Amino acid sequence: MSVLPSSTPPPSTGYTPPLELLQAADDMLLGDSPGELADAGRAYIADAPPK
């Protein structure tokens, strides 16, 4: 199971991380509980700049 959606392109920041780095991040997230992932999602949204 991959955490990164394959249909969503990465943000256009001019930087694309190496696939090994993306896979390592994906692997680390697989060990997190649903509660930890929900907390991370809330923190990400709270820290995101307004659109």
Protein backbone atom coordinates (compact mmCIF):
# COMPACT_ATOMS: atom_id res chain seq x y z
CA MET A 1 0.00 0.00 0.00
CA SER A 2 1.42 3.35 -1.00
CA VAL A 3 0.62 6.50 0.93
CA LEU A 4 1.39 8.75 -2.03
CA PRO A 5 -1.54 8.90 -4.46
CA SER A 6 -0.30 7.99 -7.92
CA SER A 7 -2.84 10.19 -9.70
CA THR A 8 -1.81 13.39 -7.90
CA PRO A 9 1.21 15.17 -9.37
CA PRO A 10 3.78 16.58 -6.95
CA PRO A 11 3.61 20.30 -6.19
CA SER A 12 5.34 22.44 -8.79
CA THR A 13 8.15 23.78 -6.61
CA GLY A 14 10.87 23.06 -9.13
CA TYR A 15 12.20 20.28 -6.91
CA THR A 16 11.43 16.61 -7.29
CA PRO A 17 12.81 14.43 -4.50
CA PRO A 18 14.56 11.21 -5.52
CA LEU A 19 12.34 8.14 -5.65
CA GLU A 20 14.40 6.54 -2.87
CA LEU A 21 13.53 9.43 -0.55
CA LEU A 22 9.84 9.20 -1.41
CA GLN A 23 9.86 5.44 -0.81
CA ALA A 24 11.64 5.85 2.53
CA ALA A 25 9.02 8.40 3.66
CA ASP A 26 6.24 6.12 2.45
CA ASP A 27 7.74 3.19 4.39
CA MET A 28 7.97 5.26 7.59
CA LEU A 29 4.31 6.26 7.33
CA LEU A 30 3.19 2.64 7.03
CA GLY A 31 4.17 2.09 10.67
CA ASP A 32 2.05 4.97 11.98
CA SER A 33 -1.31 4.43 13.58
CA PRO A 34 -4.48 5.97 12.11
CA GLY A 35 -4.48 8.46 15.01
CA GLU A 36 -0.92 9.54 14.29
CA LEU A 37 -1.74 10.02 10.61
CA ALA A 38 -4.84 12.05 11.50
CA ASP A 39 -2.78 14.26 13.83
CA ALA A 40 -0.19 14.79 11.10
CA GLY A 41 -2.91 15.68 8.60
CA ARG A 42 -4.40 18.26 10.98
CA ALA A 43 -0.96 19.76 11.64
CA TYR A 44 -0.26 19.96 7.90
CA ILE A 45 -3.56 21.75 7.23
CA ALA A 46 -3.05 24.12 10.18
CA ASP A 47 0.43 25.04 8.93
CA ALA A 48 -0.51 25.39 5.24
CA PRO A 49 -0.55 28.88 3.78
CA PRO A 50 -3.98 30.26 2.84
CA LYS A 51 -5.06 29.73 -0.74
